């Protein structure tokens, strides 16, 4: 089978398409014929050894796949050959076939296309866990979403609107602002790219306060980090929740006196660890998300598609913040 492999530490340009032996499912595993792969920010980190996990090389990036079960290992329960599934792999997905423990797979309805399935679980799962579980979001909350035009960001916009929250989408361009409004954002803020000076940081805080009518944001969903974090936190509401989701702009340093002055919480969001530690709750949340999808309240937006041999380009496209919504690799 073909697989796009990381054979040495480096960027997307270092990935190599190679022929390797087909994987064999072990105890409790399924063998999946991969039809589509969702590209996510961790893919750009893991190939540079900058992610929480460092798999042994060679390995294929790609933590989110959709495909068909074509083989079963001994003792596998809950899935059958022919089932259509989403698989949460961590890595290994950018290949024609993948073995995965059955507990890390979710059956999907026949009405769900493989491309949408591959763009579904990681973004909506992360944002649902962040907003509902960690943030306690409810109808009427004012929710600020940083990086609102990216995969997890637009998922956060859709989910917040689905529960009746008011959404302020913060993005880096007018094109992305229009996209966020099209996905349901009530207001948008365009922030500068790159390092923010004091005046730019203050202007960003002021814009958030203005967009929330001076009350501040009840929930801040931060999938960006960097210089945007502190000015956003300065515009949080009393007893607000600041959700730490990701750091494509860098890991910020937060003055903790702000948490005292605002009476607020800074809450970590590590969806991958949650799925492993609390599988029953995770399965319940996945069922909720599939119900929202069936009702038409959430639908993955795929802005770019690539072939397997273009997987490095796909990762670079996402890393360079060119995506509006999700990037998908299609194998058929």
Protein backbone atom coordinates (compact mmCIF):
# COMPACT_ATOMS: atom_id res chain seq x y z
CA UNK A 1 0.00 0.00 0.00
CA UNK A 2 1.02 3.64 -0.36
CA UNK A 3 1.76 5.77 2.68
CA UNK A 4 3.07 9.31 3.12
CA UNK A 5 5.88 8.92 5.64
CA UNK A 6 7.91 11.10 7.95
CA UNK A 7 11.37 9.56 7.86
CA UNK A 8 13.26 12.46 9.50
CA UNK A 9 12.41 15.49 11.61
CA UNK A 10 11.27 18.33 9.35
CA UNK A 11 8.47 20.26 7.70
CA UNK A 12 5.84 19.07 5.22
CA UNK A 13 8.37 19.11 2.38
CA UNK A 14 10.25 16.21 4.02
CA UNK A 15 7.36 13.74 3.73
CA UNK A 16 7.91 10.84 1.31
CA UNK A 17 5.33 8.74 -0.52
CA UNK A 18 6.43 5.10 -0.26
CA UNK A 19 5.12 1.60 -0.84
CA UNK A 20 4.99 -0.36 2.41
CA UNK A 21 3.45 -3.63 3.57
CA UNK A 22 -0.22 -3.70 4.45
CA UNK A 23 -0.87 -3.50 8.20
CA UNK A 24 -2.36 -6.50 10.01
CA UNK A 25 -5.06 -5.94 12.64
CA UNK A 26 -4.17 -7.12 16.12
CA UNK A 27 -6.28 -8.08 19.10
CA UNK A 28 -9.39 -5.86 19.19
CA UNK A 29 -8.35 -3.97 16.03
CA UNK A 30 -9.99 -3.26 12.70
CA UNK A 31 -8.34 -2.78 9.33
CA UNK A 32 -9.68 0.30 7.56
CA UNK A 33 -9.52 1.11 3.86
CA UNK A 34 -8.95 4.85 4.17
CA UNK A 35 -11.13 6.99 1.91
CA UNK A 36 -10.39 10.45 3.31
CA UNK A 37 -8.10 12.07 5.88
CA UNK A 38 -8.80 15.25 7.81
CA UNK A 39 -5.75 17.51 8.08
CA UNK A 40 -5.30 19.17 11.46
CA UNK A 41 -2.76 21.49 13.08
CA UNK A 42 -1.14 18.67 15.12
CA UNK A 43 -0.07 17.09 11.81
CA UNK A 44 2.33 19.99 11.28
CA UNK A 45 3.69 19.64 14.82
CA UNK A 46 4.12 15.88 15.00
CA UNK A 47 6.41 15.67 11.96
CA UNK A 48 8.72 18.24 13.59
CA UNK A 49 8.71 16.47 16.99
CA UNK A 50 6.87 19.44 18.53
CA UNK A 51 3.72 17.58 19.56
CA UNK A 52 2.86 15.92 22.88
CA UNK A 53 3.50 12.51 21.28
CA UNK A 54 6.56 11.47 19.27
CA UNK A 55 5.94 8.26 17.36
CA UNK A 56 8.85 6.15 16.19
CA UNK A 57 9.85 6.82 12.59
CA UNK A 58 8.96 6.11 9.91
CA UNK A 59 5.34 7.03 10.50
CA UNK A 60 2.54 8.66 8.52
CA UNK A 61 0.90 11.79 9.93
CA UNK A 62 -2.87 12.02 9.90
CA UNK A 63 -4.88 11.62 13.06
CA UNK A 64 -8.40 11.65 11.63
CA UNK A 65 -9.65 9.27 8.94
CA UNK A 66 -12.85 8.01 7.39
CA UNK A 67 -13.19 4.75 5.55
CA UNK A 68 -14.57 1.22 5.42
CA UNK A 69 -13.75 -1.70 7.71
CA UNK A 70 -12.14 -4.43 5.58
CA UNK A 71 -10.61 -6.66 8.26
CA UNK A 72 -11.04 -7.67 11.90
CA UNK A 73 -8.51 -8.74 14.49
CA UNK A 74 -9.18 -11.46 17.05
CA UNK A 75 -11.65 -10.46 19.74
CA UNK A 76 -12.89 -7.37 17.92
CA UNK A 77 -16.38 -6.37 19.02
CA UNK A 78 -18.87 -3.74 17.95
CA UNK A 79 -17.80 -3.43 14.31
CA UNK A 80 -18.20 -5.61 11.23
CA UNK A 81 -16.62 -5.80 7.80
CA UNK A 82 -18.27 -3.23 5.57
CA UNK A 83 -19.01 -0.73 8.33
CA UNK A 84 -18.37 2.90 7.47
CA UNK A 85 -16.38 4.57 10.24
CA UNK A 86 -14.52 7.62 11.48
CA UNK A 87 -11.23 6.70 13.11
CA UNK A 88 -9.29 8.82 15.60
CA UNK A 89 -5.73 7.59 15.17
CA UNK A 90 -3.35 10.25 16.47
CA UNK A 91 -1.11 9.46 13.50
CA UNK A 92 -0.86 6.90 10.70
CA UNK A 93 -3.85 8.10 8.70
CA UNK A 94 -2.10 9.34 5.55
CA UNK A 95 -1.99 5.86 4.08
CA UNK A 96 -4.25 3.66 2.01
CA UNK A 97 -4.92 1.33 4.95
CA UNK A 98 -4.79 1.71 8.71
CA UNK A 99 -5.20 -0.58 11.70
CA UNK A 100 -6.95 0.94 14.69
CA UNK A 101 -8.48 -0.31 17.91
CA UNK A 102 -12.22 -0.66 17.43
CA UNK A 103 -12.85 1.57 20.47
CA UNK A 104 -11.22 4.45 18.58
CA UNK A 105 -13.73 4.18 15.74
CA UNK A 106 -17.24 5.59 15.37
CA UNK A 107 -19.81 4.16 12.97
CA UNK A 108 -21.30 6.72 10.61
CA UNK A 109 -24.56 6.67 8.65
CA UNK A 110 -24.59 5.87 4.96
CA UNK A 111 -25.83 9.42 4.32
CA UNK A 112 -22.57 10.94 5.62
CA UNK A 113 -19.96 11.36 2.84
CA UNK A 114 -16.43 10.22 3.65
CA UNK A 115 -14.96 13.68 3.09
CA UNK A 116 -17.32 15.25 5.64
CA UNK A 117 -16.74 12.35 8.03
CA UNK A 118 -12.97 12.88 7.88
CA UNK A 119 -13.51 16.58 8.64
CA UNK A 120 -15.90 15.97 11.51
CA UNK A 121 -14.68 14.35 14.69
CA UNK A 122 -11.55 16.22 15.71
CA UNK A 123 -12.83 19.74 15.13
CA UNK A 124 -16.39 19.32 16.40
CA UNK A 125 -15.24 16.96 19.15
CA UNK A 126 -12.64 19.46 20.38
CA UNK A 127 -14.98 22.43 20.22
CA UNK A 128 -17.94 20.62 21.80
CA UNK A 129 -15.77 19.37 24.68
CA UNK A 130 -14.29 22.86 25.10
CA UNK A 131 -17.52 24.85 25.03
CA UNK A 132 -20.00 22.46 26.64
CA UNK A 133 -17.91 20.39 29.03
CA UNK A 134 -15.06 22.72 30.01
CA UNK A 135 -16.78 26.05 29.40
CA UNK A 136 -20.31 25.27 30.54
CA UNK A 137 -21.71 27.27 27.62
CA UNK A 138 -25.41 28.08 27.70
CA UNK A 139 -27.91 30.08 25.70
CA UNK A 140 -27.31 33.81 25.97
CA UNK A 141 -23.59 33.58 26.67
CA UNK A 142 -21.35 35.92 24.69
CA UNK A 143 -18.62 33.77 23.15
CA UNK A 144 -15.42 35.15 21.61
CA UNK A 145 -13.79 32.73 19.16
CA UNK A 146 -10.17 33.44 18.18
CA UNK A 147 -9.16 31.98 14.82
CA UNK A 148 -12.84 31.61 13.95
CA UNK A 149 -12.26 30.75 10.28
CA UNK A 150 -10.10 27.68 10.95
CA UNK A 151 -11.31 24.12 11.46
CA UNK A 152 -11.88 24.13 15.23
CA UNK A 153 -12.79 27.82 15.17
CA UNK A 154 -15.66 27.54 12.70
CA UNK A 155 -16.84 24.42 14.53
CA UNK A 156 -16.94 26.51 17.71
CA UNK A 157 -18.99 29.19 15.92
CA UNK A 158 -21.54 26.65 14.69
CA UNK A 159 -21.84 24.88 18.05
CA UNK A 160 -22.21 28.12 19.98
CA UNK A 161 -24.99 29.25 17.66
CA UNK A 162 -26.67 25.84 17.94
CA UNK A 163 -27.16 26.36 21.71
CA UNK A 164 -28.26 29.99 21.39
CA UNK A 165 -25.08 31.84 22.34
CA UNK A 166 -24.02 35.15 20.80
CA UNK A 167 -20.76 34.75 18.86
CA UNK A 168 -18.00 37.28 18.22
CA UNK A 169 -15.58 35.85 15.64
CA UNK A 170 -12.00 37.18 15.67
CA UNK A 171 -10.03 36.55 12.48
CA UNK A 172 -7.05 37.88 10.53
CA UNK A 173 -8.69 39.12 7.31
CA UNK A 174 -11.90 40.54 5.90
CA UNK A 175 -12.32 37.40 3.77
CA UNK A 176 -12.26 35.27 6.92
CA UNK A 177 -14.63 37.67 8.67
CA UNK A 178 -17.17 37.26 5.85
CA UNK A 179 -16.76 33.49 6.08
CA UNK A 180 -17.37 33.53 9.84
CA UNK A 181 -20.49 35.65 9.42
CA UNK A 182 -21.73 33.24 6.78
CA UNK A 183 -21.34 30.43 9.35
CA UNK A 184 -23.45 32.34 11.87
CA UNK A 185 -21.19 34.76 13.76
CA UNK A 186 -23.11 37.74 15.13
CA UNK A 187 -20.11 40.11 15.03
CA UNK A 188 -16.56 39.97 13.71
CA UNK A 189 -13.23 41.53 14.64
CA UNK A 190 -10.26 41.61 12.27
CA UNK A 191 -6.99 41.59 14.20
CA UNK A 192 -3.50 42.29 12.80
CA UNK A 193 -1.23 39.39 11.91
CA UNK A 194 2.17 38.93 13.52
CA UNK A 195 3.41 40.43 16.75
CA UNK A 196 1.10 43.02 18.33
CA UNK A 197 2.48 46.24 19.76
CA UNK A 198 0.86 47.82 22.84
CA UNK A 199 -1.49 50.00 20.82
CA UNK A 200 -2.65 47.07 18.68
CA UNK A 201 -3.18 44.88 21.74
CA UNK A 202 -5.20 47.61 23.45
CA UNK A 203 -7.25 48.16 20.30
CA UNK A 204 -8.05 44.44 20.16
CA UNK A 205 -9.22 44.44 23.78
CA UNK A 206 -11.31 47.54 23.15
CA UNK A 207 -12.89 45.93 20.07
CA UNK A 208 -13.93 42.87 22.10
CA UNK A 209 -15.42 45.05 24.83
CA UNK A 210 -17.31 47.09 22.23
CA UNK A 211 -18.63 43.97 20.50
CA UNK A 212 -19.96 42.66 23.81
CA UNK A 213 -21.63 45.93 24.76
CA UNK A 214 -18.97 46.62 27.38
CA UNK A 215 -19.79 43.46 29.36
CA UNK A 216 -16.87 41.38 28.10
CA UNK A 217 -16.96 37.81 26.77
CA UNK A 218 -18.45 35.13 29.01
CA UNK A 219 -16.39 32.49 27.19
CA UNK A 220 -13.18 32.99 25.21
CA UNK A 221 -12.30 30.11 22.87
CA UNK A 222 -8.60 30.52 22.11
CA UNK A 223 -7.31 28.31 19.36
CA UNK A 224 -4.59 30.81 18.41
CA UNK A 225 -2.48 31.83 21.43
CA UNK A 226 0.48 34.14 20.89
CA UNK A 227 0.09 37.89 21.33
CA UNK A 228 -3.71 37.65 21.08
CA UNK A 229 -4.18 35.80 24.38
CA UNK A 230 -3.52 38.55 26.93
CA UNK A 231 -5.56 41.31 25.26
CA UNK A 232 -8.42 38.84 24.83
CA UNK A 233 -8.26 37.90 28.50
CA UNK A 234 -8.35 41.57 29.45
CA UNK A 235 -11.76 41.71 27.75
CA UNK A 236 -13.28 38.72 29.57
CA UNK A 237 -16.45 39.15 31.61
CA UNK A 238 -16.57 38.80 35.39
CA UNK A 239 -16.26 35.07 36.21
CA UNK A 240 -15.73 34.27 32.54
CA UNK A 241 -14.07 31.10 31.22
CA UNK A 242 -10.94 31.29 29.07
CA UNK A 243 -10.54 28.07 27.08
CA UNK A 244 -6.98 27.15 26.07
CA UNK A 245 -7.28 25.14 22.85
CA UNK A 246 -4.13 25.67 20.74
CA UNK A 247 -1.08 27.78 19.97
CA UNK A 248 -0.42 28.24 16.23
CA UNK A 249 0.69 31.83 17.00
CA UNK A 250 2.93 30.70 19.87
CA UNK A 251 2.54 29.81 23.55
CA UNK A 252 1.50 32.97 25.45
CA UNK A 253 2.58 34.17 28.88
CA UNK A 254 -0.41 35.34 30.92
CA UNK A 255 -0.17 37.74 33.90
CA UNK A 256 -2.11 35.82 36.53
CA UNK A 257 -3.25 38.96 38.30
CA UNK A 258 -5.84 39.23 35.52
CA UNK A 259 -7.55 36.07 36.76
CA UNK A 260 -7.91 37.66 40.21
CA UNK A 261 -9.20 40.98 38.87
CA UNK A 262 -11.70 39.29 36.57
CA UNK A 263 -12.64 36.44 38.92
CA UNK A 264 -12.22 34.25 35.85
CA UNK A 265 -11.02 30.75 35.05
CA UNK A 266 -8.30 29.67 32.60
CA UNK A 267 -9.28 26.17 31.50
CA UNK A 268 -7.17 23.69 29.54
CA UNK A 269 -8.79 21.76 26.70
CA UNK A 270 -7.05 18.47 25.79
CA UNK A 271 -9.68 16.58 23.85
CA UNK A 272 -7.43 13.66 22.93
CA UNK A 273 -6.66 12.88 26.57
CA UNK A 274 -10.33 13.28 27.47
CA UNK A 275 -11.39 10.67 24.90
CA UNK A 276 -8.96 8.15 26.40
CA UNK A 277 -9.72 8.93 30.06
CA UNK A 278 -13.51 9.22 29.79
CA UNK A 279 -14.59 7.05 26.84
CA UNK A 280 -18.21 6.69 27.94
CA UNK A 281 -18.69 10.47 28.18
CA UNK A 282 -16.86 10.92 24.88
CA UNK A 283 -19.21 8.44 23.18
CA UNK A 284 -22.18 10.36 24.56
CA UNK A 285 -20.82 13.61 23.14
CA UNK A 286 -20.19 11.99 19.74
CA UNK A 287 -23.82 10.87 19.68
CA UNK A 288 -24.87 14.46 20.41
CA UNK A 289 -22.71 15.73 17.55
CA UNK A 290 -24.05 13.19 15.06
CA UNK A 291 -27.59 14.22 16.05
CA UNK A 292 -26.73 17.87 15.38
CA UNK A 293 -25.25 16.85 12.01
CA UNK A 294 -28.37 14.87 11.11
CA UNK A 295 -30.50 17.89 12.02
CA UNK A 296 -28.44 20.12 9.71
CA UNK A 297 -27.21 22.34 12.56
CA UNK A 298 -23.52 21.57 11.94
CA UNK A 299 -21.87 20.70 8.63
CA UNK A 300 -18.11 20.55 7.96
CA UNK A 301 -16.90 23.20 5.55
CA UNK A 302 -14.14 21.81 3.33
CA UNK A 303 -12.19 24.58 1.63
CA UNK A 304 -9.35 22.57 0.07
CA UNK A 305 -8.87 19.00 -1.14
CA UNK A 306 -5.62 17.21 -1.93
CA UNK A 307 -4.52 13.78 -3.15
CA UNK A 308 -2.38 11.52 -0.92
CA UNK A 309 0.80 12.42 -2.79
CA UNK A 310 0.03 16.09 -2.06
CA UNK A 311 -0.26 15.52 1.68
CA UNK A 312 2.73 17.73 2.43
CA UNK A 313 1.10 20.58 0.52
CA UNK A 314 -2.11 20.01 2.47
CA UNK A 315 -0.31 20.32 5.81
CA UNK A 316 1.53 23.45 4.64
CA UNK A 317 -1.75 24.97 3.43
CA UNK A 318 -3.22 24.56 6.90
CA UNK A 319 -0.06 25.57 8.76
CA UNK A 320 0.15 28.81 6.77
CA UNK A 321 -3.44 29.69 7.79
CA UNK A 322 -4.81 29.60 4.26
CA UNK A 323 -7.72 27.35 5.13
CA UNK A 324 -11.31 28.46 5.59
CA UNK A 325 -12.72 25.55 7.55
CA UNK A 326 -11.21 22.12 6.90
CA UNK A 327 -8.56 20.66 4.61
CA UNK A 328 -9.08 17.07 3.45
CA UNK A 329 -6.95 14.47 1.67
CA UNK A 330 -9.03 12.18 -0.55
CA UNK A 331 -7.83 8.73 -1.55
CA UNK A 332 -10.63 8.00 -4.01
